[in-house]
Amino acid sequence: EAKERAKILAEAAALKQLASDYMHPEVGVKTTDPTLFGRNYFNRYSAPETEEDEFADERAEILAEAVALKKSSVAYMHPEVGVCSEDATLFGRNYFERASAPDVESMEEAEEKAKILAEAA
């Protein structure tokens, strides 16, 4: 009977503690368990944000497109700046289709020319 009485008093004390915790939230929670003080280094607020690879790749593509669009819009809005060409292939010459290139004869024209010269001689 004494054990039951001690058990009932322990339950009443626990209920009283819960009721006072519920009625007075300004008191706060006091903990002494050392496992409650562990830190989560991945989900804490001061942790650097991480992105998945596919999101990082997509973000890089979007930023590259934005830079290209900005460059195009600046070139369109400011024609006085002019065009800067630095590509080495832009300065190449076409030796076959330039205006000063000698005319190239086809095989038929060359044979006909040789016949005419042979008849004249």
Foldseek 3Di string as FASTA:
>chain_A
DVVVVVVVVVVVVVVVVVVVCVVCVVVDDDDDDVVVPDDDQPPDPPHDDDDDPVVVVVVVVVVVVVVVVVVVVVCVVCVVVDDDDDDPVVPDDDQPPDPPHDDDDDPVVVVVVVVVVVVVD
